[in-house]
Amino acid sequence: MESHLANSRSSHSQACLEELDERNKRVVKELYKALTLKETETLHGLVTQDLEWWFHGPPCHRHHLVPWLTGSSLPPSAKALVPSHVIGFGSIVVAEGYDEENLVWWVHAWTFNTDGVISQVKEYVNTFVTVTRLGTAVTPPSEIVVPVASMCQCIWQSTLSDESVPGLILAI
């Protein structure tokens, strides 16, 4: 009986996680649409007022995402940010795209707060990104959960870049 309840809880939890992933992916897709159409009202409803922005990449691309988020004037060469891949990992959604004209590969990792609003974006430009989920092990006497590096699982990798760009690991 207990194993049946545990299996039922596990499948319910899995269904809830999948539903959260789909909802958050849908929000991120709405965000890119709002950015492209310059729908500031929609954008303000999807991100917190104090959105935290992190950047990793060559300094010359530091302002790749900023004009889109701030509504400031875009450079003439700016193409719409259209992700080719969007994948969810619970409260984090990763979107990847490529600007062929400017030779810019980009990955955006959007983080949702507990209210379901985007509170952080980590922008990676011209960098190969691997998303890894850290495993955990429980130490029985103290019941402390600690990450175990040997249990790391690669769960997603950039597909648009080539060997010429440096790689990094985003651990979730």
N, C-alpha and C. Protein backbone atom coordinates (compact mmCIF):
# COMPACT_ATOMS: atom_id res chain seq x y z
N MET A 1 0.81 -1.19 0.00
CA MET A 1 0.00 0.00 0.00
C MET A 1 0.86 1.26 0.00
N GLU A 2 1.93 1.24 0.87
CA GLU A 2 2.80 2.41 0.94
C GLU A 2 3.49 2.67 -0.39
N SER A 3 3.93 1.62 -1.09
CA SER A 3 4.61 1.81 -2.38
C SER A 3 3.65 2.37 -3.41
N HIS A 4 2.38 1.95 -3.35
CA HIS A 4 1.38 2.50 -4.27
C HIS A 4 1.20 4.00 -4.03
N LEU A 5 1.14 4.42 -2.74
CA LEU A 5 1.00 5.84 -2.41
C LEU A 5 2.24 6.61 -2.86
N ALA A 6 3.41 6.03 -2.65
CA ALA A 6 4.65 6.69 -3.06
C ALA A 6 4.68 6.85 -4.58
N ASN A 7 4.29 5.81 -5.32
CA ASN A 7 4.25 5.89 -6.78
C ASN A 7 3.24 6.93 -7.25
N SER A 8 2.10 6.98 -6.56
CA SER A 8 1.06 7.95 -6.91
C SER A 8 1.56 9.37 -6.68
N ARG A 9 2.21 9.59 -5.52
CA ARG A 9 2.77 10.92 -5.23
C ARG A 9 3.84 11.29 -6.25
N SER A 10 4.68 10.32 -6.59
CA SER A 10 5.76 10.56 -7.54
C SER A 10 5.21 10.94 -8.91
N SER A 11 4.20 10.23 -9.39
CA SER A 11 3.63 10.53 -10.70
C SER A 11 2.89 11.86 -10.67
N HIS A 12 2.25 12.18 -9.52
CA HIS A 12 1.58 13.47 -9.39
C HIS A 12 2.61 14.60 -9.40
N SER A 13 3.73 14.42 -8.68
CA SER A 13 4.79 15.42 -8.64
C SER A 13 5.38 15.62 -10.03
N GLN A 14 5.58 14.52 -10.76
CA GLN A 14 6.12 14.60 -12.11
C GLN A 14 5.17 15.37 -13.02
N ALA A 15 3.89 15.11 -12.89
CA ALA A 15 2.89 15.81 -13.70
C ALA A 15 2.88 17.31 -13.38
N CYS A 16 3.02 17.65 -12.10
CA CYS A 16 3.06 19.06 -11.70
C CYS A 16 4.30 19.75 -12.26
N LEU A 17 5.45 19.06 -12.23
CA LEU A 17 6.68 19.62 -12.79
C LEU A 17 6.55 19.84 -14.29
N GLU A 18 5.96 18.87 -14.99
CA GLU A 18 5.77 19.01 -16.43
C GLU A 18 4.84 20.17 -16.75
N GLU A 19 3.80 20.33 -15.95
CA GLU A 19 2.86 21.43 -16.14
C GLU A 19 3.56 22.78 -15.90
N LEU A 20 4.41 22.84 -14.85
CA LEU A 20 5.17 24.05 -14.56
C LEU A 20 6.12 24.37 -15.71
N ASP A 21 6.83 23.36 -16.23
CA ASP A 21 7.73 23.54 -17.36
C ASP A 21 6.99 24.13 -18.56
N GLU A 22 5.84 23.57 -18.89
CA GLU A 22 5.07 24.03 -20.04
C GLU A 22 4.57 25.46 -19.85
N ARG A 23 4.10 25.77 -18.65
CA ARG A 23 3.62 27.13 -18.37
C ARG A 23 4.76 28.13 -18.50
N ASN A 24 5.91 27.81 -17.90
CA ASN A 24 7.04 28.73 -17.94
C ASN A 24 7.59 28.88 -19.36
N LYS A 25 7.61 27.81 -20.13
CA LYS A 25 8.05 27.90 -21.54
C LYS A 25 7.10 28.79 -22.33
N ARG A 26 5.81 28.66 -22.08
CA ARG A 26 4.81 29.49 -22.77
C ARG A 26 5.04 30.97 -22.43
N VAL A 27 5.33 31.27 -21.16
CA VAL A 27 5.59 32.66 -20.74
C VAL A 27 6.82 33.20 -21.46
N VAL A 28 7.90 32.40 -21.55
CA VAL A 28 9.12 32.86 -22.22
C VAL A 28 8.85 33.11 -23.70
N LYS A 29 8.07 32.25 -24.34
CA LYS A 29 7.73 32.47 -25.74
C LYS A 29 6.91 33.75 -25.90
N GLU A 30 6.00 34.02 -24.95
CA GLU A 30 5.24 35.27 -24.97
C GLU A 30 6.18 36.46 -24.82
N LEU A 31 7.21 36.31 -23.97
CA LEU A 31 8.17 37.38 -23.75
C LEU A 31 8.90 37.73 -25.04
N TYR A 32 9.37 36.73 -25.79
CA TYR A 32 10.07 37.02 -27.05
C TYR A 32 9.13 37.67 -28.06
N LYS A 33 7.89 37.25 -28.07
CA LYS A 33 6.91 37.87 -28.97
C LYS A 33 6.69 39.33 -28.58
N ALA A 34 6.58 39.59 -27.26
CA ALA A 34 6.39 40.96 -26.79
C ALA A 34 7.62 41.82 -27.10
N LEU A 35 8.81 41.24 -26.97
CA LEU A 35 10.03 41.98 -27.30
C LEU A 35 10.05 42.37 -28.78
N THR A 36 9.73 41.41 -29.63
CA THR A 36 9.75 41.65 -31.08
C THR A 36 8.72 42.69 -31.50
N LEU A 37 7.52 42.61 -30.89
CA LEU A 37 6.44 43.54 -31.23
C LEU A 37 6.49 44.84 -30.42
N LYS A 38 7.48 44.93 -29.53
CA LYS A 38 7.65 46.10 -28.65
C LYS A 38 6.40 46.38 -27.85
N GLU A 39 5.81 45.31 -27.31
CA GLU A 39 4.62 45.41 -26.47
C GLU A 39 5.06 45.56 -25.01
N THR A 40 5.32 46.80 -24.61
CA THR A 40 5.87 47.03 -23.27
C THR A 40 4.90 46.63 -22.16
N GLU A 41 3.61 46.81 -22.37
CA GLU A 41 2.62 46.43 -21.35
C GLU A 41 2.71 44.93 -21.07
N THR A 42 2.77 44.14 -22.13
CA THR A 42 2.88 42.69 -21.98
C THR A 42 4.18 42.34 -21.28
N LEU A 43 5.26 42.96 -21.72
CA LEU A 43 6.58 42.70 -21.15
C LEU A 43 6.60 43.00 -19.65
N HIS A 44 6.01 44.13 -19.25
CA HIS A 44 5.99 44.49 -17.83
C HIS A 44 5.20 43.49 -16.99
N GLY A 45 4.25 42.81 -17.59
CA GLY A 45 3.50 41.80 -16.86
C GLY A 45 4.23 40.47 -16.73
N LEU A 46 5.28 40.29 -17.53
CA LEU A 46 6.00 39.00 -17.53
C LEU A 46 7.28 39.02 -16.71
N VAL A 47 7.85 40.20 -16.48
CA VAL A 47 9.10 40.31 -15.72
C VAL A 47 8.92 41.22 -14.52
N THR A 48 9.72 40.99 -13.48
CA THR A 48 9.67 41.86 -12.31
C THR A 48 10.26 43.22 -12.66
N GLN A 49 9.89 44.21 -11.89
CA GLN A 49 10.36 45.57 -12.12
C GLN A 49 11.87 45.67 -11.92
N ASP A 50 12.40 44.83 -11.02
CA ASP A 50 13.84 44.85 -10.73
C ASP A 50 14.53 43.61 -11.30
N LEU A 51 14.24 43.32 -12.55
CA LEU A 51 14.81 42.16 -13.23
C LEU A 51 16.33 42.15 -13.08
N GLU A 52 16.85 41.03 -12.61
CA GLU A 52 18.30 40.89 -12.45
C GLU A 52 18.87 40.34 -13.76
N TRP A 53 19.89 40.99 -14.30
CA TRP A 53 20.48 40.60 -15.59
C TRP A 53 21.95 40.29 -15.40
N TRP A 54 22.36 39.09 -15.85
CA TRP A 54 23.76 38.67 -15.83
C TRP A 54 24.20 38.50 -17.27
N PHE A 55 25.45 38.81 -17.56
CA PHE A 55 25.96 38.68 -18.92
C PHE A 55 27.26 37.89 -18.91
N HIS A 56 27.39 36.99 -19.88
CA HIS A 56 28.65 36.27 -20.09
C HIS A 56 28.90 36.20 -21.59
N GLY A 57 30.01 36.77 -22.02
CA GLY A 57 30.36 36.73 -23.43
C GLY A 57 31.34 37.84 -23.76
N PRO A 58 31.69 37.98 -25.02
CA PRO A 58 32.61 39.04 -25.43
C PRO A 58 32.02 40.42 -25.12
N PRO A 59 32.84 41.34 -24.59
CA PRO A 59 32.34 42.68 -24.24
C PRO A 59 31.63 43.40 -25.40
N CYS A 60 32.04 43.14 -26.63
CA CYS A 60 31.40 43.83 -27.76
C CYS A 60 29.92 43.45 -27.91
N HIS A 61 29.49 42.36 -27.28
CA HIS A 61 28.09 41.92 -27.37
C HIS A 61 27.34 42.16 -26.06
N ARG A 62 27.93 42.91 -25.17
CA ARG A 62 27.35 43.12 -23.84
C ARG A 62 25.93 43.68 -23.89
N HIS A 63 25.61 44.41 -24.92
CA HIS A 63 24.29 45.04 -24.99
C HIS A 63 23.37 44.35 -25.99
N HIS A 64 23.55 43.06 -26.17
CA HIS A 64 22.73 42.29 -27.10
C HIS A 64 21.26 42.28 -26.67
N LEU A 65 20.98 41.97 -25.42
CA LEU A 65 19.60 41.84 -24.93
C LEU A 65 19.06 43.14 -24.34
N VAL A 66 19.92 43.99 -23.82
CA VAL A 66 19.49 45.19 -23.10
C VAL A 66 18.53 46.07 -23.89
N PRO A 67 18.81 46.43 -25.16
CA PRO A 67 17.86 47.30 -25.87
C PRO A 67 16.47 46.68 -25.99
N TRP A 68 16.41 45.38 -26.10
CA TRP A 68 15.11 44.71 -26.21
C TRP A 68 14.33 44.84 -24.90
N LEU A 69 15.03 44.66 -23.78
CA LEU A 69 14.36 44.71 -22.49
C LEU A 69 14.01 46.12 -22.05
N THR A 70 14.83 47.09 -22.43
CA THR A 70 14.61 48.46 -21.98
C THR A 70 13.78 49.30 -22.94
N GLY A 71 13.61 48.81 -24.16
CA GLY A 71 12.84 49.57 -25.14
C GLY A 71 13.64 50.70 -25.75
N SER A 72 14.96 50.74 -25.47
CA SER A 72 15.79 51.79 -26.06
C SER A 72 15.98 51.50 -27.55
N SER A 73 16.56 52.42 -28.24
CA SER A 73 16.68 52.26 -29.69
C SER A 73 17.60 51.08 -30.02
N LEU A 74 17.14 50.28 -30.94
CA LEU A 74 17.89 49.11 -31.38
C LEU A 74 18.85 49.50 -32.50
N PRO A 75 20.01 48.85 -32.54
CA PRO A 75 20.92 49.13 -33.66
C PRO A 75 20.27 48.70 -34.97
N PRO A 76 20.63 49.34 -36.09
CA PRO A 76 20.02 49.01 -37.38
C PRO A 76 20.18 47.54 -37.76
N SER A 77 21.25 46.91 -37.29
CA SER A 77 21.49 45.51 -37.65
C SER A 77 20.75 44.52 -36.75
N ALA A 78 19.99 45.02 -35.76
CA ALA A 78 19.30 44.13 -34.82
C ALA A 78 18.19 43.34 -35.50
N LYS A 79 18.25 42.05 -35.34
CA LYS A 79 17.19 41.15 -35.83
C LYS A 79 16.33 40.74 -34.66
N ALA A 80 15.10 40.37 -34.92
CA ALA A 80 14.20 39.91 -33.87
C ALA A 80 14.84 38.73 -33.13
N LEU A 81 14.67 38.71 -31.82
CA LEU A 81 15.18 37.60 -31.02
C LEU A 81 14.16 36.46 -31.10
N VAL A 82 14.44 35.52 -31.96
CA VAL A 82 13.54 34.38 -32.14
C VAL A 82 14.30 33.12 -31.73
N PRO A 83 13.92 32.53 -30.60
CA PRO A 83 14.64 31.33 -30.16
C PRO A 83 14.35 30.14 -31.06
N SER A 84 15.40 29.36 -31.32
CA SER A 84 15.20 28.14 -32.08
C SER A 84 14.88 26.96 -31.16
N HIS A 85 15.27 27.07 -29.89
CA HIS A 85 14.98 26.04 -28.89
C HIS A 85 14.56 26.72 -27.59
N VAL A 86 13.55 26.18 -26.95
CA VAL A 86 13.12 26.63 -25.63
C VAL A 86 12.87 25.37 -24.81
N ILE A 87 13.56 25.27 -23.66
CA ILE A 87 13.41 24.08 -22.83
C ILE A 87 13.26 24.50 -21.37
N GLY A 88 12.38 23.82 -20.64
CA GLY A 88 12.12 24.17 -19.26
C GLY A 88 12.73 23.20 -18.27
N PHE A 89 13.18 23.76 -17.14
CA PHE A 89 13.72 22.99 -16.03
C PHE A 89 13.11 23.50 -14.74
N GLY A 90 11.80 23.39 -14.60
CA GLY A 90 11.14 23.91 -13.41
C GLY A 90 11.09 25.42 -13.45
N SER A 91 11.79 26.07 -12.50
CA SER A 91 11.75 27.53 -12.41
C SER A 91 12.72 28.21 -13.37
N ILE A 92 13.46 27.43 -14.16
CA ILE A 92 14.40 27.99 -15.15
C ILE A 92 13.99 27.54 -16.54
N VAL A 93 13.97 28.49 -17.48
CA VAL A 93 13.70 28.18 -18.88
C VAL A 93 14.88 28.69 -19.69
N VAL A 94 15.43 27.82 -20.53
CA VAL A 94 16.57 28.17 -21.37
C VAL A 94 16.08 28.32 -22.81
N ALA A 95 16.45 29.45 -23.42
CA ALA A 95 16.13 29.71 -24.82
C ALA A 95 17.43 29.94 -25.57
N GLU A 96 17.50 29.40 -26.79
CA GLU A 96 18.71 29.50 -27.59
C GLU A 96 18.35 30.01 -28.98
N GLY A 97 19.21 30.88 -29.52
CA GLY A 97 18.98 31.38 -30.86
C GLY A 97 20.28 31.79 -31.53
N TYR A 98 20.16 32.19 -32.79
CA TYR A 98 21.33 32.55 -33.58
C TYR A 98 20.97 33.70 -34.50
N ASP A 99 21.79 34.74 -34.47
CA ASP A 99 21.65 35.88 -35.37
C ASP A 99 22.68 35.68 -36.48
N GLU A 100 22.24 35.14 -37.60
CA GLU A 100 23.14 34.78 -38.70
C GLU A 100 23.86 35.99 -39.29
N GLU A 101 23.14 37.10 -39.39
CA GLU A 101 23.73 38.30 -39.99
C GLU A 101 24.91 38.84 -39.17
N ASN A 102 24.77 38.80 -37.84
CA ASN A 102 25.83 39.33 -36.96
C ASN A 102 26.70 38.24 -36.36
N LEU A 103 26.47 36.98 -36.75
CA LEU A 103 27.22 35.84 -36.23
C LEU A 103 27.23 35.79 -34.71
N VAL A 104 26.03 35.87 -34.12
CA VAL A 104 25.89 35.85 -32.68
C VAL A 104 25.04 34.67 -32.26
N TRP A 105 25.63 33.75 -31.50
CA TRP A 105 24.89 32.67 -30.86
C TRP A 105 24.50 33.19 -29.49
N TRP A 106 23.30 32.94 -29.07
CA TRP A 106 22.90 33.40 -27.74
C TRP A 106 22.08 32.35 -27.01
N VAL A 107 22.25 32.34 -25.70
CA VAL A 107 21.47 31.50 -24.80
C VAL A 107 21.01 32.41 -23.67
N HIS A 108 19.71 32.36 -23.37
CA HIS A 108 19.15 33.12 -22.26
C HIS A 108 18.56 32.12 -21.27
N ALA A 109 18.97 32.22 -20.02
CA ALA A 109 18.40 31.39 -18.95
C ALA A 109 17.51 32.29 -18.10
N TRP A 110 16.20 32.10 -18.22
CA TRP A 110 15.21 32.93 -17.53
C TRP A 110 14.80 32.21 -16.25
N THR A 111 14.81 32.91 -15.12
CA THR A 111 14.44 32.32 -13.83
C THR A 111 13.15 32.96 -13.35
N PHE A 112 12.22 32.12 -12.92
CA PHE A 112 10.92 32.56 -12.43
C PHE A 112 10.93 32.61 -10.91
N ASN A 113 10.27 33.62 -10.33
CA ASN A 113 10.11 33.66 -8.88
C ASN A 113 8.91 32.80 -8.49
N THR A 114 8.60 32.76 -7.20
CA THR A 114 7.50 31.91 -6.72
C THR A 114 6.13 32.40 -7.19
N ASP A 115 6.04 33.66 -7.66
CA ASP A 115 4.78 34.18 -8.18
C ASP A 115 4.59 33.87 -9.66
N GLY A 116 5.56 33.17 -10.28
CA GLY A 116 5.45 32.84 -11.69
C GLY A 116 5.83 33.97 -12.62
N VAL A 117 6.61 34.93 -12.12
CA VAL A 117 7.06 36.07 -12.90
C VAL A 117 8.58 35.95 -13.07
N ILE A 118 9.09 36.35 -14.22
CA ILE A 118 10.53 36.25 -14.48
C ILE A 118 11.25 37.30 -13.63
N SER A 119 12.22 36.83 -12.85
CA SER A 119 12.95 37.73 -11.95
C SER A 119 14.43 37.85 -12.30
N GLN A 120 14.92 36.98 -13.19
CA GLN A 120 16.34 37.01 -13.53
C GLN A 120 16.55 36.46 -14.93
N VAL A 121 17.54 37.02 -15.62
CA VAL A 121 17.96 36.46 -16.91
C VAL A 121 19.47 36.41 -16.90
N LYS A 122 20.00 35.28 -17.32
CA LYS A 122 21.44 35.13 -17.52
C LYS A 122 21.64 34.98 -19.01
N GLU A 123 22.40 35.91 -19.57
CA GLU A 123 22.60 35.96 -21.01
C GLU A 123 24.01 35.46 -21.35
N TYR A 124 24.06 34.52 -22.26
CA TYR A 124 25.33 33.96 -22.73
C TYR A 124 25.40 34.20 -24.23
N VAL A 125 26.44 34.91 -24.66
CA VAL A 125 26.58 35.26 -26.07
C VAL A 125 27.88 34.69 -26.61
N ASN A 126 27.80 34.03 -27.77
CA ASN A 126 28.94 33.38 -28.41
C ASN A 126 29.71 32.49 -27.43
N THR A 127 28.94 31.73 -26.68
CA THR A 127 29.46 30.77 -25.72
C THR A 127 28.63 29.50 -25.83
N PHE A 128 29.28 28.36 -25.88
CA PHE A 128 28.60 27.07 -25.90
C PHE A 128 28.17 26.75 -24.47
N VAL A 129 26.90 26.47 -24.24
CA VAL A 129 26.39 26.25 -22.89
C VAL A 129 25.93 24.81 -22.73
N THR A 130 26.31 24.21 -21.61
CA THR A 130 25.82 22.90 -21.22
C THR A 130 25.07 23.08 -19.91
N VAL A 131 23.83 22.60 -19.84
CA VAL A 131 23.04 22.67 -18.61
C VAL A 131 23.18 21.32 -17.92
N THR A 132 23.53 21.39 -16.64
CA THR A 132 23.78 20.18 -15.87
C THR A 132 22.96 20.22 -14.59
N ARG A 133 22.38 19.09 -14.24
CA ARG A 133 21.66 18.98 -12.98
C ARG A 133 22.58 18.26 -12.00
N LEU A 134 22.82 18.89 -10.87
CA LEU A 134 23.69 18.28 -9.87
C LEU A 134 22.93 17.20 -9.13
N GLY A 135 23.58 16.06 -8.94
CA GLY A 135 23.00 14.99 -8.14
C GLY A 135 23.17 15.31 -6.67
N THR A 136 22.44 14.60 -5.81
CA THR A 136 22.58 14.81 -4.37
C THR A 136 22.73 13.46 -3.68
N ALA A 137 23.39 13.50 -2.57
CA ALA A 137 23.54 12.30 -1.74
C ALA A 137 23.19 12.71 -0.32
N VAL A 138 22.54 11.81 0.41
CA VAL A 138 22.16 12.10 1.79
C VAL A 138 23.12 11.38 2.71
N THR A 139 23.69 12.12 3.64
CA THR A 139 24.56 11.54 4.64
C THR A 139 23.66 11.11 5.80
N PRO A 140 23.45 9.78 5.98
CA PRO A 140 22.46 9.29 6.94
C PRO A 140 22.55 9.85 8.35
N PRO A 141 23.73 9.87 9.00
CA PRO A 141 23.73 10.31 10.40
C PRO A 141 23.22 11.73 10.59
N SER A 142 23.60 12.63 9.72
CA SER A 142 23.22 14.02 9.92
C SER A 142 22.06 14.46 9.04
N GLU A 143 21.68 13.62 8.07
CA GLU A 143 20.60 13.94 7.13
C GLU A 143 20.89 15.21 6.34
N ILE A 144 22.16 15.49 6.09
CA ILE A 144 22.54 16.66 5.30
C ILE A 144 22.60 16.26 3.83
N VAL A 145 22.01 17.08 2.98
CA VAL A 145 22.04 16.83 1.55
C VAL A 145 23.21 17.62 0.96
N VAL A 146 24.11 16.92 0.27
CA VAL A 146 25.27 17.57 -0.34
C VAL A 146 25.36 17.21 -1.81
N PRO A 147 25.74 18.17 -2.66
CA PRO A 147 25.93 17.85 -4.08
C PRO A 147 27.10 16.89 -4.26
N VAL A 148 26.94 15.98 -5.18
CA VAL A 148 28.00 15.03 -5.49
C VAL A 148 28.37 15.22 -6.95
N ALA A 149 29.59 15.71 -7.20
CA ALA A 149 30.02 16.03 -8.56
C ALA A 149 29.94 14.83 -9.49
N SER A 150 30.22 13.64 -8.97
CA SER A 150 30.22 12.46 -9.82
C SER A 150 28.82 12.08 -10.28
N MET A 151 27.79 12.68 -9.68
CA MET A 151 26.41 12.34 -10.05
C MET A 151 25.80 13.41 -10.97
N CYS A 152 26.61 14.33 -11.49
CA CYS A 152 26.10 15.38 -12.37
C CYS A 152 25.58 14.77 -13.67
N GLN A 153 24.47 15.27 -14.13
CA GLN A 153 23.89 14.80 -15.38
C GLN A 153 23.77 15.96 -16.36
N CYS A 154 24.30 15.77 -17.55
CA CYS A 154 24.10 16.75 -18.61
C CYS A 154 22.67 16.58 -19.10
N ILE A 155 21.89 17.67 -19.06
CA ILE A 155 20.51 17.55 -19.50
C ILE A 155 20.19 18.38 -20.72
N TRP A 156 21.12 19.26 -21.13
CA TRP A 156 20.91 20.04 -22.35
C TRP A 156 22.22 20.66 -22.76
N GLN A 157 22.46 20.77 -24.07
CA GLN A 157 23.64 21.44 -24.61
C GLN A 157 23.24 22.31 -25.78
N SER A 158 23.97 23.42 -25.94
CA SER A 158 23.75 24.29 -27.10
C SER A 158 23.93 23.46 -28.37
N THR A 159 23.14 23.76 -29.36
CA THR A 159 23.25 23.03 -30.62
C THR A 159 23.62 23.93 -31.79
N LEU A 160 23.55 25.23 -31.59
CA LEU A 160 23.74 26.14 -32.71
C LEU A 160 25.18 26.60 -32.90
N SER A 161 26.00 26.52 -31.87
CA SER A 161 27.36 27.04 -31.98
C SER A 161 28.29 25.99 -32.57
N ASP A 162 29.53 26.40 -32.79
CA ASP A 162 30.52 25.46 -33.32
C ASP A 162 31.74 25.44 -32.40
N GLU A 163 32.80 24.78 -32.82
CA GLU A 163 33.98 24.59 -32.01
C GLU A 163 34.73 25.89 -31.72
N SER A 164 34.42 26.96 -32.43
CA SER A 164 35.17 28.20 -32.28
C SER A 164 34.79 29.00 -31.04
N VAL A 165 33.71 28.63 -30.37
CA VAL A 165 33.28 29.38 -29.20
C VAL A 165 33.60 28.61 -27.92
N PRO A 166 33.94 29.35 -26.86
CA PRO A 166 34.24 28.67 -25.58
C PRO A 166 32.99 28.09 -24.97
N GLY A 167 33.14 27.08 -24.16
CA GLY A 167 32.00 26.45 -23.51
C GLY A 167 31.98 26.72 -22.03
N LEU A 168 30.80 26.60 -21.44
CA LEU A 168 30.68 26.68 -20.00
C LEU A 168 29.51 25.82 -19.57
N ILE A 169 29.47 25.52 -18.27
CA ILE A 169 28.43 24.67 -17.71
C ILE A 169 27.54 25.52 -16.82
N LEU A 170 26.24 25.43 -17.02
CA LEU A 170 25.25 26.09 -16.18
C LEU A 170 24.64 24.99 -15.31
N ALA A 171 24.93 25.01 -14.01
CA ALA A 171 24.44 23.98 -13.11
C ALA A 171 23.13 24.43 -12.47
N ILE A 172 22.13 23.53 -12.50
CA ILE A 172 20.86 23.85 -11.86
C ILE A 172 20.55 22.80 -10.82
